């Protein structure tokens, strides 16, 4: 089954790296198809955490990879 953009990808976020920058959300801001969703975890000293990655919508533009200050994101093509 081919998606609209013809991409099958696996988006992975290294939570240990991602949580080093409090309230960053750069990946959410730069993603043109809004695959990232966050929540604030009070038990985690207010550090945000990715709660959803809508991989089916990813168009493999690499903006999140390029802009992530912690290099916490990897995207793998599955085809």
PDB file of N, CA and C in Angstrom:
ATOM      1  N   UNK A   1       0.845  -1.181   0.000  1.00  0.00           N
ATOM      2  CA  UNK A   1       0.000   0.000   0.000  1.00  0.00           C
ATOM      3  C   UNK A   1       0.883   1.235   0.000  1.00  0.00           C
ATOM      4  N   UNK A   2       0.634   2.145  -0.891  1.00  0.00           N
ATOM      5  CA  UNK A   2       1.448   3.349  -1.019  1.00  0.00           C
ATOM      6  C   UNK A   2       0.671   4.542  -0.475  1.00  0.00           C
ATOM      7  N   UNK A   3       1.313   5.342   0.332  1.00  0.00           N
ATOM      8  CA  UNK A   3       0.684   6.557   0.851  1.00  0.00           C
ATOM      9  C   UNK A   3       0.732   7.642  -0.217  1.00  0.00           C
ATOM     10  N   UNK A   4       0.077   8.747   0.040  1.00  0.00           N
ATOM     11  CA  UNK A   4      -0.016   9.832  -0.935  1.00  0.00           C
ATOM     12  C   UNK A   4       1.359  10.285  -1.412  1.00  0.00           C
ATOM     13  N   UNK A   5       2.306  10.418  -0.498  1.00  0.00           N
ATOM     14  CA  UNK A   5       3.631  10.872  -0.871  1.00  0.00           C
ATOM     15  C   UNK A   5       4.540   9.723  -1.296  1.00  0.00           C
ATOM     16  N   UNK A   6       4.052   8.497  -1.226  1.00  0.00           N
ATOM     17  CA  UNK A   6       4.850   7.356  -1.638  1.00  0.00           C
ATOM     18  C   UNK A   6       5.955   7.002  -0.669  1.00  0.00           C
ATOM     19  N   UNK A   7       5.813   7.385   0.581  1.00  0.00           N
ATOM     20  CA  UNK A   7       6.866   7.137   1.560  1.00  0.00           C
ATOM     21  C   UNK A   7       6.386   6.184   2.643  1.00  0.00           C
ATOM     22  N   UNK A   8       7.244   5.261   2.988  1.00  0.00           N
ATOM     23  CA  UNK A   8       7.067   4.434   4.171  1.00  0.00           C
ATOM     24  C   UNK A   8       8.281   4.690   5.036  1.00  0.00           C
ATOM     25  N   UNK A   9       8.057   5.233   6.212  1.00  0.00           N
ATOM     26  CA  UNK A   9       9.189   5.570   7.074  1.00  0.00           C
ATOM     27  C   UNK A   9       8.932   5.141   8.511  1.00  0.00           C
ATOM     28  N   UNK A  10      10.018   5.008   9.248  1.00  0.00           N
ATOM     29  CA  UNK A  10       9.969   4.769  10.685  1.00  0.00           C
ATOM     30  C   UNK A  10      10.673   5.940  11.342  1.00  0.00           C
ATOM     31  N   UNK A  11       9.937   6.691  12.153  1.00  0.00           N
ATOM     32  CA  UNK A  11      10.494   7.834  12.866  1.00  0.00           C
ATOM     33  C   UNK A  11      10.803   7.384  14.285  1.00  0.00           C
ATOM     34  N   UNK A  12      12.042   7.587  14.702  1.00  0.00           N
ATOM     35  CA  UNK A  12      12.436   7.214  16.053  1.00  0.00           C
ATOM     36  C   UNK A  12      13.030   8.421  16.758  1.00  0.00           C
ATOM     37  N   UNK A  13      12.663   8.579  18.023  1.00  0.00           N
ATOM     38  CA  UNK A  13      13.195   9.667  18.833  1.00  0.00           C
ATOM     39  C   UNK A  13      13.904   9.077  20.034  1.00  0.00           C
ATOM     40  N   UNK A  14      15.154   9.445  20.212  1.00  0.00           N
ATOM     41  CA  UNK A  14      15.919   9.028  21.382  1.00  0.00           C
ATOM     42  C   UNK A  14      15.493   9.923  22.540  1.00  0.00           C
ATOM     43  N   UNK A  15      14.654   9.386  23.413  1.00  0.00           N
ATOM     44  CA  UNK A  15      14.099  10.188  24.503  1.00  0.00           C
ATOM     45  C   UNK A  15      15.167  10.700  25.458  1.00  0.00           C
ATOM     46  N   UNK A  16      16.240   9.965  25.627  1.00  0.00           N
ATOM     47  CA  UNK A  16      17.317  10.436  26.508  1.00  0.00           C
ATOM     48  C   UNK A  16      17.950  11.712  25.968  1.00  0.00           C
ATOM     49  N   UNK A  17      18.136  11.774  24.660  1.00  0.00           N
ATOM     50  CA  UNK A  17      18.695  12.982  24.049  1.00  0.00           C
ATOM     51  C   UNK A  17      17.660  14.098  23.982  1.00  0.00           C
ATOM     52  N   UNK A  18      16.446  13.747  23.626  1.00  0.00           N
ATOM     53  CA  UNK A  18      15.387  14.736  23.442  1.00  0.00           C
ATOM     54  C   UNK A  18      15.093  15.489  24.735  1.00  0.00           C
ATOM     55  N   UNK A  19      15.072  14.806  25.845  1.00  0.00           N
ATOM     56  CA  UNK A  19      14.700  15.417  27.119  1.00  0.00           C
ATOM     57  C   UNK A  19      15.790  16.294  27.722  1.00  0.00           C
ATOM     58  N   UNK A  20      16.958  16.337  27.094  1.00  0.00           N
ATOM     59  CA  UNK A  20      18.038  17.181  27.617  1.00  0.00           C
ATOM     60  C   UNK A  20      17.749  18.667  27.417  1.00  0.00           C
ATOM     61  N   UNK A  21      16.922  18.980  26.452  1.00  0.00           N
ATOM     62  CA  UNK A  21      16.567  20.376  26.181  1.00  0.00           C
ATOM     63  C   UNK A  21      15.119  20.578  26.612  1.00  0.00           C
ATOM     64  N   UNK A  22      14.922  21.320  27.676  1.00  0.00           N
ATOM     65  CA  UNK A  22      13.584  21.501  28.231  1.00  0.00           C
ATOM     66  C   UNK A  22      12.704  22.332  27.286  1.00  0.00           C
ATOM     67  N   UNK A  23      11.543  21.792  26.983  1.00  0.00           N
ATOM     68  CA  UNK A  23      10.529  22.482  26.174  1.00  0.00           C
ATOM     69  C   UNK A  23      11.012  22.907  24.793  1.00  0.00           C
ATOM     70  N   UNK A  24      11.787  22.105  24.144  1.00  0.00           N
ATOM     71  CA  UNK A  24      12.354  22.433  22.838  1.00  0.00           C
ATOM     72  C   UNK A  24      11.271  22.492  21.752  1.00  0.00           C
ATOM     73  N   UNK A  25      10.701  21.388  21.372  1.00  0.00           N
ATOM     74  CA  UNK A  25       9.643  21.239  20.370  1.00  0.00           C
ATOM     75  C   UNK A  25       9.993  21.783  18.985  1.00  0.00           C
ATOM     76  N   UNK A  26      11.261  21.884  18.659  1.00  0.00           N
ATOM     77  CA  UNK A  26      11.660  22.364  17.331  1.00  0.00           C
ATOM     78  C   UNK A  26      11.128  21.446  16.236  1.00  0.00           C
ATOM     79  N   UNK A  27      11.168  20.138  16.471  1.00  0.00           N
ATOM     80  CA  UNK A  27      10.680  19.211  15.446  1.00  0.00           C
ATOM     81  C   UNK A  27       9.201  19.454  15.144  1.00  0.00           C
ATOM     82  N   UNK A  28       8.427  19.733  16.168  1.00  0.00           N
ATOM     83  CA  UNK A  28       7.007  20.026  15.973  1.00  0.00           C
ATOM     84  C   UNK A  28       6.819  21.318  15.174  1.00  0.00           C
ATOM     85  N   UNK A  29       7.659  22.297  15.437  1.00  0.00           N
ATOM     86  CA  UNK A  29       7.549  23.590  14.766  1.00  0.00           C
ATOM     87  C   UNK A  29       7.937  23.530  13.293  1.00  0.00           C
ATOM     88  N   UNK A  30       8.941  22.717  12.945  1.00  0.00           N
ATOM     89  CA  UNK A  30       9.427  22.699  11.563  1.00  0.00           C
ATOM     90  C   UNK A  30       8.736  21.665  10.679  1.00  0.00           C
ATOM     91  N   UNK A  31       8.051  20.712  11.257  1.00  0.00           N
ATOM     92  CA  UNK A  31       7.447  19.639  10.460  1.00  0.00           C
ATOM     93  C   UNK A  31       6.259  20.170   9.652  1.00  0.00           C
ATOM     94  N   UNK A  32       6.333  20.093   8.316  1.00  0.00           N
ATOM     95  CA  UNK A  32       5.250  20.629   7.487  1.00  0.00           C
ATOM     96  C   UNK A  32       3.973  19.789   7.522  1.00  0.00           C
ATOM     97  N   UNK A  33       4.062  18.553   7.991  1.00  0.00           N
ATOM     98  CA  UNK A  33       2.874  17.694   8.036  1.00  0.00           C
ATOM     99  C   UNK A  33       2.477  17.328   9.467  1.00  0.00           C
ATOM    100  N   UNK A  34       3.093  17.967  10.436  1.00  0.00           N
ATOM    101  CA  UNK A  34       2.721  17.870  11.850  1.00  0.00           C
ATOM    102  C   UNK A  34       2.662  16.439  12.377  1.00  0.00           C
ATOM    103  N   UNK A  35       3.766  15.698  12.255  1.00  0.00           N
ATOM    104  CA  UNK A  35       3.741  14.317  12.745  1.00  0.00           C
ATOM    105  C   UNK A  35       4.031  14.205  14.237  1.00  0.00           C
ATOM    106  N   UNK A  36       4.522  15.265  14.875  1.00  0.00           N
ATOM    107  CA  UNK A  36       4.887  15.204  16.288  1.00  0.00           C
ATOM    108  C   UNK A  36       3.833  15.874  17.162  1.00  0.00           C
ATOM    109  N   UNK A  37       3.521  15.233  18.269  1.00  0.00           N
ATOM    110  CA  UNK A  37       2.630  15.801  19.281  1.00  0.00           C
ATOM    111  C   UNK A  37       3.326  15.635  20.632  1.00  0.00           C
ATOM    112  N   UNK A  38       3.176  16.624  21.512  1.00  0.00           N
ATOM    113  CA  UNK A  38       3.879  16.618  22.792  1.00  0.00           C
ATOM    114  C   UNK A  38       2.930  16.738  23.968  1.00  0.00           C
ATOM    115  N   UNK A  39       3.426  16.327  25.125  1.00  0.00           N
ATOM    116  CA  UNK A  39       2.728  16.581  26.375  1.00  0.00           C
ATOM    117  C   UNK A  39       3.761  16.978  27.413  1.00  0.00           C
ATOM    118  N   UNK A  40       3.334  17.775  28.360  1.00  0.00           N
ATOM    119  CA  UNK A  40       4.222  18.202  29.432  1.00  0.00           C
ATOM    120  C   UNK A  40       4.051  17.245  30.604  1.00  0.00           C
ATOM    121  N   UNK A  41       5.147  16.696  31.079  1.00  0.00           N
ATOM    122  CA  UNK A  41       5.102  15.737  32.165  1.00  0.00           C
ATOM    123  C   UNK A  41       5.540  16.398  33.459  1.00  0.00           C
ATOM    124  N   UNK A  42       4.613  16.612  34.361  1.00  0.00           N
ATOM    125  CA  UNK A  42       4.934  17.272  35.625  1.00  0.00           C
ATOM    126  C   UNK A  42       5.923  16.454  36.445  1.00  0.00           C
ATOM    127  N   UNK A  43       5.785  15.137  36.406  1.00  0.00           N
ATOM    128  CA  UNK A  43       6.692  14.292  37.177  1.00  0.00           C
ATOM    129  C   UNK A  43       8.103  14.280  36.600  1.00  0.00           C
ATOM    130  N   UNK A  44       8.255  14.895  35.454  1.00  0.00           N
ATOM    131  CA  UNK A  44       9.551  14.937  34.776  1.00  0.00           C
ATOM    132  C   UNK A  44      10.115  16.354  34.824  1.00  0.00           C
ATOM    133  N   UNK A  45       9.801  17.095  35.878  1.00  0.00           N
ATOM    134  CA  UNK A  45      10.262  18.477  36.046  1.00  0.00           C
ATOM    135  C   UNK A  45       9.841  19.384  34.894  1.00  0.00           C
ATOM    136  N   UNK A  46       8.694  19.114  34.318  1.00  0.00           N
ATOM    137  CA  UNK A  46       8.170  19.966  33.261  1.00  0.00           C
ATOM    138  C   UNK A  46       8.765  19.724  31.895  1.00  0.00           C
ATOM    139  N   UNK A  47       9.604  18.716  31.768  1.00  0.00           N
ATOM    140  CA  UNK A  47      10.205  18.424  30.467  1.00  0.00           C
ATOM    141  C   UNK A  47       9.150  17.781  29.579  1.00  0.00           C
ATOM    142  N   UNK A  48       9.048  18.279  28.372  1.00  0.00           N
ATOM    143  CA  UNK A  48       8.050  17.752  27.451  1.00  0.00           C
ATOM    144  C   UNK A  48       8.472  16.386  26.936  1.00  0.00           C
ATOM    145  N   UNK A  49       7.520  15.656  26.439  1.00  0.00           N
ATOM    146  CA  UNK A  49       7.786  14.331  25.905  1.00  0.00           C
ATOM    147  C   UNK A  49       6.931  14.127  24.667  1.00  0.00           C
ATOM    148  N   UNK A  50       7.504  13.497  23.663  1.00  0.00           N
ATOM    149  CA  UNK A  50       6.749  13.197  22.452  1.00  0.00           C
ATOM    150  C   UNK A  50       5.740  12.111  22.788  1.00  0.00           C
ATOM    151  N   UNK A  51       4.483  12.352  22.495  1.00  0.00           N
ATOM    152  CA  UNK A  51       3.469  11.346  22.768  1.00  0.00           C
ATOM    153  C   UNK A  51       2.962  10.679  21.494  1.00  0.00           C
ATOM    154  N   UNK A  52       3.266  11.268  20.360  1.00  0.00           N
ATOM    155  CA  UNK A  52       2.766  10.692  19.117  1.00  0.00           C
ATOM    156  C   UNK A  52       3.691  11.037  17.964  1.00  0.00           C
ATOM    157  N   UNK A  53       3.906  10.041  17.128  1.00  0.00           N
ATOM    158  CA  UNK A  53       4.624  10.246  15.881  1.00  0.00           C
ATOM    159  C   UNK A  53       3.722   9.686  14.787  1.00  0.00           C
ATOM    160  N   UNK A  54       3.155  10.532  13.984  1.00  0.00           N
ATOM    161  CA  UNK A  54       2.249  10.110  12.924  1.00  0.00           C
ATOM    162  C   UNK A  54       3.067   9.801  11.675  1.00  0.00           C
ATOM    163  N   UNK A  55       3.736   8.675  11.714  1.00  0.00           N
ATOM    164  CA  UNK A  55       4.685   8.311  10.659  1.00  0.00           C
ATOM    165  C   UNK A  55       4.054   8.199   9.278  1.00  0.00           C
ATOM    166  N   UNK A  56       2.794   7.840   9.225  1.00  0.00           N
ATOM    167  CA  UNK A  56       2.133   7.679   7.928  1.00  0.00           C
ATOM    168  C   UNK A  56       2.099   8.970   7.122  1.00  0.00           C
ATOM    169  N   UNK A  57       2.180  10.097   7.799  1.00  0.00           N
ATOM    170  CA  UNK A  57       2.128  11.388   7.117  1.00  0.00           C
ATOM    171  C   UNK A  57       3.509  11.936   6.753  1.00  0.00           C
ATOM    172  N   UNK A  58       4.566  11.317   7.252  1.00  0.00           N
ATOM    173  CA  UNK A  58       5.929  11.821   7.021  1.00  0.00           C
ATOM    174  C   UNK A  58       6.264  11.825   5.527  1.00  0.00           C
ATOM    175  N   UNK A  59       6.811  12.941   5.057  1.00  0.00           N
ATOM    176  CA  UNK A  59       7.191  13.068   3.648  1.00  0.00           C
ATOM    177  C   UNK A  59       8.705  13.022   3.463  1.00  0.00           C
ATOM    178  N   UNK A  60       9.421  12.671   4.524  1.00  0.00           N
ATOM    179  CA  UNK A  60      10.873  12.490   4.485  1.00  0.00           C
ATOM    180  C   UNK A  60      11.596  13.755   4.013  1.00  0.00           C
ATOM    181  N   UNK A  61      11.169  14.896   4.544  1.00  0.00           N
ATOM    182  CA  UNK A  61      11.791  16.168   4.169  1.00  0.00           C
ATOM    183  C   UNK A  61      13.085  16.424   4.949  1.00  0.00           C
ATOM    184  N   UNK A  62      13.255  15.731   6.069  1.00  0.00           N
ATOM    185  CA  UNK A  62      14.455  15.819   6.918  1.00  0.00           C
ATOM    186  C   UNK A  62      14.585  17.114   7.711  1.00  0.00           C
ATOM    187  N   UNK A  63      13.579  17.960   7.722  1.00  0.00           N
ATOM    188  CA  UNK A  63      13.684  19.204   8.489  1.00  0.00           C
ATOM    189  C   UNK A  63      13.885  18.938   9.975  1.00  0.00           C
ATOM    190  N   UNK A  64      13.174  17.958  10.512  1.00  0.00           N
ATOM    191  CA  UNK A  64      13.335  17.649  11.938  1.00  0.00           C
ATOM    192  C   UNK A  64      14.744  17.149  12.236  1.00  0.00           C
ATOM    193  N   UNK A  65      15.297  16.347  11.329  1.00  0.00           N
ATOM    194  CA  UNK A  65      16.670  15.854  11.507  1.00  0.00           C
ATOM    195  C   UNK A  65      17.672  17.001  11.510  1.00  0.00           C
ATOM    196  N   UNK A  66      17.513  17.911  10.580  1.00  0.00           N
ATOM    197  CA  UNK A  66      18.444  19.033  10.440  1.00  0.00           C
ATOM    198  C   UNK A  66      18.358  20.024  11.595  1.00  0.00           C
ATOM    199  N   UNK A  67      17.159  20.250  12.116  1.00  0.00           N
ATOM    200  CA  UNK A  67      16.963  21.295  13.127  1.00  0.00           C
ATOM    201  C   UNK A  67      17.091  20.810  14.568  1.00  0.00           C
ATOM    202  N   UNK A  68      16.995  19.520  14.814  1.00  0.00           N
ATOM    203  CA  UNK A  68      17.054  19.003  16.189  1.00  0.00           C
ATOM    204  C   UNK A  68      18.425  19.294  16.802  1.00  0.00           C
ATOM    205  N   UNK A  69      18.477  20.108  17.869  1.00  0.00           N
ATOM    206  CA  UNK A  69      19.767  20.473  18.455  1.00  0.00           C
ATOM    207  C   UNK A  69      20.465  19.307  19.142  1.00  0.00           C
ATOM    208  N   UNK A  70      19.720  18.283  19.515  1.00  0.00           N
ATOM    209  CA  UNK A  70      20.297  17.132  20.206  1.00  0.00           C
ATOM    210  C   UNK A  70      20.522  15.938  19.280  1.00  0.00           C
ATOM    211  N   UNK A  71      20.169  16.076  18.009  1.00  0.00           N
ATOM    212  CA  UNK A  71      20.282  14.968  17.048  1.00  0.00           C
ATOM    213  C   UNK A  71      19.590  13.719  17.597  1.00  0.00           C
ATOM    214  N   UNK A  72      18.387  13.922  18.113  1.00  0.00           N
ATOM    215  CA  UNK A  72      17.648  12.854  18.776  1.00  0.00           C
ATOM    216  C   UNK A  72      16.727  12.080  17.838  1.00  0.00           C
ATOM    217  N   UNK A  73      16.616  12.515  16.592  1.00  0.00           N
ATOM    218  CA  UNK A  73      15.657  11.922  15.662  1.00  0.00           C
ATOM    219  C   UNK A  73      16.377  11.134  14.581  1.00  0.00           C
ATOM    220  N   UNK A  74      15.836   9.954  14.287  1.00  0.00           N
ATOM    221  CA  UNK A  74      16.287   9.192  13.128  1.00  0.00           C
ATOM    222  C   UNK A  74      15.051   8.839  12.303  1.00  0.00           C
ATOM    223  N   UNK A  75      15.225   8.853  11.014  1.00  0.00           N
ATOM    224  CA  UNK A  75      14.149   8.462  10.109  1.00  0.00           C
ATOM    225  C   UNK A  75      14.707   7.398   9.181  1.00  0.00           C
ATOM    226  N   UNK A  76      14.000   6.290   9.113  1.00  0.00           N
ATOM    227  CA  UNK A  76      14.433   5.180   8.267  1.00  0.00           C
ATOM    228  C   UNK A  76      13.391   4.928   7.193  1.00  0.00           C
ATOM    229  N   UNK A  77      13.854   4.804   5.967  1.00  0.00           N
ATOM    230  CA  UNK A  77      12.957   4.414   4.884  1.00  0.00           C
ATOM    231  C   UNK A  77      12.722   2.911   5.003  1.00  0.00           C
ATOM    232  N   UNK A  78      11.490   2.494   4.834  1.00  0.00           N
ATOM    233  CA  UNK A  78      11.147   1.084   4.981  1.00  0.00           C
ATOM    234  C   UNK A  78      10.863   0.400   3.650  1.00  0.00           C
ATOM    235  N   UNK A  79      11.261   0.993   2.568  1.00  0.00           N
ATOM    236  CA  UNK A  79      11.021   0.372   1.271  1.00  0.00           C
ATOM    237  C   UNK A  79      12.321   0.147   0.559  1.00  0.00           C
TER     238      UNK A  79
END
